Amino acid sequence: MTTLSVPAPGKPRLTRWLLRLHRPALCVFTALALVTAALLLLLHGPLVDAAAEGWRQYDACGFTPRCAYDQSAILRYKNWCNYATLAVAAVPFLTAAWAGGALFGKELETGTARLAWAQSSTPARWLTVRLAAPAAVVTVGTGVLVWLHHLAWAAGSGRIDSAKEWYDVWVFHTNGPTLAALALAGLAAGSLAGLLVRRALPALALALLLTGAVWGTIQQVMPRLWPTDGRTEPSAFDVPSGAWKVSATKKSDQWYVTYHPYSHYWPLQLTTTVLVLTVAALLVTACFLALRRLTGKAVAR
C-alpha cells in the first residue's frame, strides 16, 4: 500500500509568501545595489586613473604660478566617491526604515499579521521567517557592496591626495564587515520598532532613531575596543603618518598622544563587528519578547 506524504505548511511557504509580498522592496534594493556597484567599479577603474593623473600633474606644478592640470577629473572623482560611500553607508538605515515601516509596522497596522497567525503559522515562526530571510539578503548584498567599496578606496589610497583616511567614520564602516553587522542591527531595530508601535510611519521614525543611536554609540566605543599605541610629542597634533589619534594629554611641556596605527584596522573591524552583532542579538531577543507580549504566546509549533 502506497502512502502519499503531504508536505507540511511551514518555513518554505512562508518565505515564498514574504518574498512575493515585499517584491517591490526587493527590486528597489537590487536596483540600488546594482547602480552603486557600477559606480564603485568606475571609481576603481577609469575615474581613479583620471584623478590620479590630475593629481600627478598638480603635484608636478610646484610653485609655478600658472599650471595646467585636470581639475575636473579630481573633482569628479571626489564627488562620486562621496556619493558612493554615503550610498553604501545608508544600507543600515534603509533596512531599518523598511523593517519598521513595511515589514512589521504596516502588516500589524492592517491586520495582515494576525491573518497569517490564524491561517498558516504561529507568531514565533512568522517572526523567525521575517527576520531570517531579509537578514540573508541584506548580508549578501551588503557584503558585495563593502568588498567593492574597499577595492575602490584601495585603488585611490596613495594616489589621490584628497583621499580619505582609513579611520574616517564613513570609510571605516563601508570598507569592512562592521557595515553588514550594522545592517543586521538596523533590521532588528526596525523589527522591534514595528512590533512596539504597530503603525507604519511612527515605526519607521523610531527605527531610524534606534539605528542612529546604535551607530553613534558604536562610533564612540570603537576606538577603545583595542589597545592603543602611545608616545610623547611636542604637539597634540603630532601623530605617525596614517595613524588615528584617539587622545592627547599634556604632561609638563610635552603631550602624550595615543593613537591607532593602520595595523589596528582589522582588530578594530573584528571587535566592532562582534559588538554590533551582540547588540543585534539583543534586539532580536527583544523582538520575541515584544511579540510574546503582543500575542500572549510565542511558542513555536
Protein backbone atom coordinates (compact mmCIF):
# COMPACT_ATOMS: atom_id res chain seq x y z
CA MET A 1 0.00 0.00 0.00
CA THR A 2 1.46 3.30 -1.09
CA THR A 3 1.36 6.17 1.32
CA LEU A 4 1.29 9.69 -0.05
CA SER A 5 3.05 12.24 2.07
CA VAL A 6 1.65 15.75 2.15
CA PRO A 7 4.25 18.44 2.78
CA ALA A 8 3.51 20.29 5.97
CA PRO A 9 3.00 24.02 5.71
CA GLY A 10 5.99 25.73 7.12
CA LYS A 11 9.00 27.84 6.54
CA PRO A 12 9.46 27.47 2.75
CA ARG A 13 5.89 28.57 2.06
CA LEU A 14 6.18 31.45 4.50
CA THR A 15 9.43 32.55 2.84
CA ARG A 16 7.88 32.48 -0.65
CA TRP A 17 4.92 34.48 0.58
CA LEU A 18 7.22 37.00 2.26
CA LEU A 19 9.26 37.48 -0.91
CA ARG A 20 6.12 37.84 -3.00
CA LEU A 21 4.56 40.34 -0.60
CA HIS A 22 7.68 42.51 -0.44
CA ARG A 23 8.85 42.04 -4.02
CA PRO A 24 8.82 45.81 -4.76
CA ALA A 25 11.21 46.46 -1.87
CA LEU A 26 13.48 43.64 -3.05
CA CYS A 27 13.51 45.06 -6.58
CA VAL A 28 14.34 48.56 -5.30
CA PHE A 29 17.15 47.24 -3.10
CA THR A 30 18.56 45.23 -6.00
CA ALA A 31 18.43 48.22 -8.33
CA LEU A 32 20.15 50.49 -5.82
CA ALA A 33 22.80 47.86 -5.16
CA LEU A 34 23.49 47.42 -8.88
CA VAL A 35 23.77 51.17 -9.51
CA THR A 36 26.08 51.60 -6.51
CA ALA A 37 28.18 48.60 -7.58
CA ALA A 38 28.56 50.04 -11.09
CA LEU A 39 29.69 53.37 -9.65
CA LEU A 40 32.21 51.64 -7.37
CA LEU A 41 33.64 49.75 -10.34
CA LEU A 42 34.09 53.05 -12.18
CA LEU A 43 35.79 54.51 -9.12
CA HIS A 44 38.09 51.51 -9.07
CA GLY A 45 38.98 51.94 -12.73
CA PRO A 46 38.75 54.92 -15.09
CA LEU A 47 37.67 57.56 -12.57
CA VAL A 48 40.54 56.90 -10.16
CA ASP A 49 43.06 56.72 -13.02
CA ALA A 50 41.97 60.09 -14.37
CA ALA A 51 42.01 61.69 -10.91
CA ALA A 52 45.43 60.22 -10.11
CA GLU A 53 46.81 61.69 -13.32
CA GLY A 54 45.28 65.04 -12.41
CA TRP A 55 46.96 64.98 -9.00
CA ARG A 56 50.27 63.96 -10.60
CA GLN A 57 50.05 67.00 -12.85
CA TYR A 58 49.14 69.25 -9.92
CA ASP A 59 52.00 67.98 -7.71
CA ALA A 60 54.45 68.49 -10.59
CA CYS A 61 53.50 72.15 -10.79
CA GLY A 62 55.40 73.06 -7.65
CA PHE A 63 55.36 76.84 -7.19
CA THR A 64 54.62 77.59 -10.83
CA PRO A 65 52.08 80.48 -10.88
CA ARG A 66 50.16 79.07 -13.79
CA CYS A 67 49.98 75.35 -14.35
CA ALA A 68 47.60 73.16 -16.31
CA TYR A 69 46.13 70.10 -14.61
CA ASP A 70 42.89 68.16 -14.92
CA GLN A 71 40.91 69.72 -12.09
CA SER A 72 37.60 68.39 -13.39
CA ALA A 73 38.83 64.78 -13.07
CA ILE A 74 39.91 65.41 -9.47
CA LEU A 75 36.59 66.98 -8.50
CA ARG A 76 34.57 64.37 -10.37
CA TYR A 77 36.32 61.55 -8.54
CA LYS A 78 35.91 63.28 -5.17
CA ASN A 79 32.19 63.90 -5.63
CA TRP A 80 31.30 60.45 -6.94
CA CYS A 81 33.42 58.81 -4.27
CA ASN A 82 31.49 60.68 -1.58
CA TYR A 83 28.17 59.72 -3.19
CA ALA A 84 29.14 56.05 -3.37
CA THR A 85 30.35 55.99 0.24
CA LEU A 86 27.16 57.58 1.52
CA ALA A 87 25.04 55.20 -0.56
CA VAL A 88 26.76 52.16 0.96
CA ALA A 89 26.65 53.66 4.46
CA ALA A 90 22.90 54.24 4.10
CA VAL A 91 22.13 50.49 3.88
CA PRO A 92 21.59 50.02 7.67
CA PHE A 93 19.20 52.98 7.79
CA LEU A 94 17.28 51.92 4.67
CA THR A 95 16.97 48.41 6.09
CA ALA A 96 15.73 49.74 9.42
CA ALA A 97 13.19 52.05 7.77
CA TRP A 98 11.82 49.22 5.61
CA ALA A 99 11.66 46.75 8.50
CA GLY A 100 9.90 49.19 10.78
CA GLY A 101 7.57 50.76 8.25
CA ALA A 102 6.64 47.94 5.84
CA LEU A 103 7.81 44.58 7.12
CA PHE A 104 6.26 44.90 10.59
CA GLY A 105 4.54 48.25 11.13
CA LYS A 106 2.25 48.07 8.11
CA GLU A 107 1.41 44.38 8.49
CA LEU A 108 0.47 44.83 12.13
CA GLU A 109 -1.44 48.03 11.40
CA THR A 110 -3.54 46.48 8.61
CA GLY A 111 -4.09 43.15 10.35
CA THR A 112 -2.18 41.08 7.78
CA ALA A 113 -0.02 39.61 10.52
CA ARG A 114 -2.96 38.34 12.58
CA LEU A 115 -4.45 36.76 9.48
CA ALA A 116 -1.21 34.85 8.94
CA TRP A 117 -1.15 33.71 12.56
CA ALA A 118 -4.69 32.40 12.27
CA GLN A 119 -4.22 30.57 8.96
CA SER A 120 -0.72 29.28 8.39
CA SER A 121 1.81 29.77 11.17
CA THR A 122 2.44 30.54 14.79
CA PRO A 123 3.56 34.08 15.68
CA ALA A 124 7.06 32.82 16.57
CA ARG A 125 7.53 31.14 13.19
CA TRP A 126 6.12 34.20 11.44
CA LEU A 127 8.67 36.40 13.20
CA THR A 128 11.55 33.99 12.59
CA VAL A 129 10.97 33.94 8.83
CA ARG A 130 10.62 37.72 8.69
CA LEU A 131 13.94 38.11 10.40
CA ALA A 132 15.91 35.29 8.75
CA ALA A 133 15.03 35.83 5.07
CA PRO A 134 15.76 39.59 4.98
CA ALA A 135 18.90 39.02 7.07
CA ALA A 136 20.26 36.67 4.40
CA VAL A 137 19.52 39.13 1.57
CA VAL A 138 20.93 42.10 3.47
CA THR A 139 24.10 40.25 4.49
CA VAL A 140 24.90 39.10 0.96
CA GLY A 141 24.06 42.45 -0.67
CA THR A 142 25.94 44.49 1.90
CA GLY A 143 28.93 42.16 1.74
CA VAL A 144 29.27 42.65 -2.01
CA LEU A 145 29.00 46.44 -1.73
CA VAL A 146 31.56 46.55 1.09
CA TRP A 147 34.01 44.47 -0.94
CA LEU A 148 33.64 46.73 -3.99
CA HIS A 149 33.95 49.85 -1.85
CA HIS A 150 37.17 48.57 -0.31
CA LEU A 151 38.57 47.88 -3.78
CA ALA A 152 37.66 51.40 -4.92
CA TRP A 153 39.15 53.01 -1.80
CA ALA A 154 42.36 50.96 -2.03
CA ALA A 155 42.77 51.95 -5.69
CA GLY A 156 42.87 55.62 -4.71
CA SER A 157 44.86 55.32 -1.49
CA GLY A 158 48.34 56.74 -2.02
CA ARG A 159 47.45 58.02 -5.50
CA ILE A 160 44.77 60.61 -4.67
CA ASP A 161 45.97 63.39 -2.39
CA SER A 162 42.46 64.16 -1.17
CA ALA A 163 41.51 60.52 -0.49
CA LYS A 164 40.05 59.99 2.97
CA GLU A 165 41.99 58.08 5.59
CA TRP A 166 41.10 54.54 6.66
CA TYR A 167 39.74 55.78 10.00
CA ASP A 168 37.23 58.23 8.52
CA VAL A 169 33.87 57.41 10.12
CA TRP A 170 32.18 56.60 6.81
CA VAL A 171 35.14 54.97 5.11
CA PHE A 172 35.92 52.69 8.05
CA HIS A 173 32.46 51.13 8.16
CA THR A 174 31.91 50.93 4.42
CA ASN A 175 35.26 49.19 3.99
CA GLY A 176 34.65 46.22 6.29
CA PRO A 177 32.27 43.76 7.96
CA THR A 178 31.08 46.28 10.51
CA LEU A 179 28.62 47.62 7.93
CA ALA A 180 27.00 44.21 7.44
CA ALA A 181 26.70 43.92 11.22
CA LEU A 182 25.16 47.41 11.39
CA ALA A 183 22.70 46.45 8.63
CA LEU A 184 21.60 43.42 10.68
CA ALA A 185 21.29 45.63 13.76
CA GLY A 186 19.19 48.02 11.67
CA LEU A 187 16.95 45.14 10.61
CA ALA A 188 16.50 44.07 14.23
CA ALA A 189 15.93 47.66 15.39
CA GLY A 190 13.32 48.24 12.70
CA SER A 191 11.59 44.98 13.54
CA LEU A 192 11.45 45.89 17.22
CA ALA A 193 10.10 49.36 16.38
CA GLY A 194 7.33 47.82 14.26
CA LEU A 195 6.37 45.33 16.96
CA LEU A 196 6.26 48.02 19.63
CA VAL A 197 4.47 50.79 17.71
CA ARG A 198 2.44 48.67 15.24
CA ARG A 199 1.91 51.63 12.91
CA ALA A 200 3.90 52.14 9.73
CA LEU A 201 5.09 55.77 9.84
CA PRO A 202 5.79 56.05 13.59
CA ALA A 203 7.59 52.70 13.46
CA LEU A 204 9.71 53.92 10.55
CA ALA A 205 10.74 57.02 12.51
CA LEU A 206 11.54 55.01 15.64
CA ALA A 207 13.55 52.52 13.58
CA LEU A 208 15.74 55.29 12.21
CA LEU A 209 16.26 56.73 15.69
CA LEU A 210 17.25 53.36 17.14
CA THR A 211 19.66 52.65 14.28
CA GLY A 212 21.20 56.10 14.60
CA ALA A 213 21.63 55.53 18.33
CA VAL A 214 23.38 52.21 17.71
CA TRP A 215 25.65 53.76 15.07
CA GLY A 216 26.56 56.74 17.28
CA THR A 217 27.21 54.63 20.36
CA ILE A 218 29.39 52.19 18.46
CA GLN A 219 31.40 55.07 17.00
CA GLN A 220 32.13 56.38 20.49
CA VAL A 221 33.09 52.98 21.89
CA MET A 222 35.02 51.65 18.88
CA PRO A 223 38.41 53.40 19.47
CA ARG A 224 38.61 51.72 22.90
CA LEU A 225 37.89 48.19 21.74
CA TRP A 226 41.58 47.59 21.01
CA PRO A 227 44.65 48.81 22.96
CA THR A 228 46.14 52.00 21.55
CA ASP A 229 49.76 52.86 20.94
CA GLY A 230 51.19 56.00 22.55
CA ARG A 231 54.21 58.27 22.60
CA THR A 232 55.31 61.68 23.80
CA GLU A 233 55.22 64.50 21.27
CA PRO A 234 55.88 68.27 21.41
CA SER A 235 52.42 68.94 19.96
CA ALA A 236 48.99 67.37 20.49
CA PHE A 237 48.65 67.14 16.72
CA ASP A 238 51.82 65.12 16.12
CA VAL A 239 50.95 61.50 15.29
CA PRO A 240 52.57 58.97 12.97
CA SER A 241 51.55 59.22 9.34
CA GLY A 242 48.31 57.40 8.64
CA ALA A 243 47.52 56.92 12.34
CA TRP A 244 44.17 57.62 14.01
CA LYS A 245 44.63 59.90 17.01
CA VAL A 246 42.46 58.89 19.96
CA SER A 247 43.55 61.25 22.73
CA ALA A 248 46.21 63.76 23.74
CA THR A 249 47.17 64.53 27.36
CA LYS A 250 49.55 67.33 28.33
CA LYS A 251 52.39 66.40 30.65
CA SER A 252 54.78 69.26 31.61
CA ASP A 253 55.79 70.81 28.27
CA GLN A 254 55.07 67.63 26.27
CA TRP A 255 51.96 65.83 25.04
CA TYR A 256 51.27 62.14 25.42
CA VAL A 257 49.35 61.10 22.31
CA THR A 258 47.51 57.80 21.95
CA TYR A 259 46.63 56.50 18.51
CA HIS A 260 45.72 53.53 16.35
CA PRO A 261 48.17 52.75 13.51
CA TYR A 262 46.88 51.22 10.30
CA SER A 263 47.92 47.79 11.60
CA HIS A 264 44.98 48.03 14.03
CA TYR A 265 42.49 48.21 11.19
CA TRP A 266 41.40 44.57 11.25
CA PRO A 267 41.43 44.16 15.05
CA LEU A 268 39.14 47.20 15.26
CA GLN A 269 36.94 45.89 12.46
CA LEU A 270 36.52 42.46 14.04
CA THR A 271 35.97 43.63 17.62
CA THR A 272 33.45 46.22 16.44
CA THR A 273 31.65 43.63 14.32
CA VAL A 274 31.34 41.27 17.30
CA LEU A 275 29.99 44.09 19.46
CA VAL A 276 27.41 45.17 16.87
CA LEU A 277 26.29 41.57 16.30
CA THR A 278 25.83 41.24 20.08
CA VAL A 279 23.63 44.34 20.03
CA ALA A 280 21.69 42.88 17.09
CA ALA A 281 21.16 39.62 19.01
CA LEU A 282 19.82 41.56 21.99
CA LEU A 283 17.43 43.45 19.72
CA VAL A 284 16.23 40.18 18.20
CA THR A 285 15.59 38.82 21.70
CA ALA A 286 13.62 41.98 22.46
CA CYS A 287 11.58 41.35 19.28
CA PHE A 288 10.47 37.92 20.53
CA LEU A 289 9.65 39.34 23.95
CA ALA A 290 7.59 42.11 22.33
CA LEU A 291 5.80 39.54 20.18
CA ARG A 292 5.04 37.42 23.21
CA ARG A 293 3.58 40.42 24.98
CA LEU A 294 1.56 41.27 21.87
CA THR A 295 0.13 37.81 21.22
CA GLY A 296 0.17 36.27 24.67
CA LYS A 297 2.24 33.36 23.36
CA ALA A 298 5.36 32.92 21.24
CA VAL A 299 5.91 29.20 21.32
CA ALA A 300 6.86 27.53 18.05
CA ARG A 301 4.59 24.82 16.77
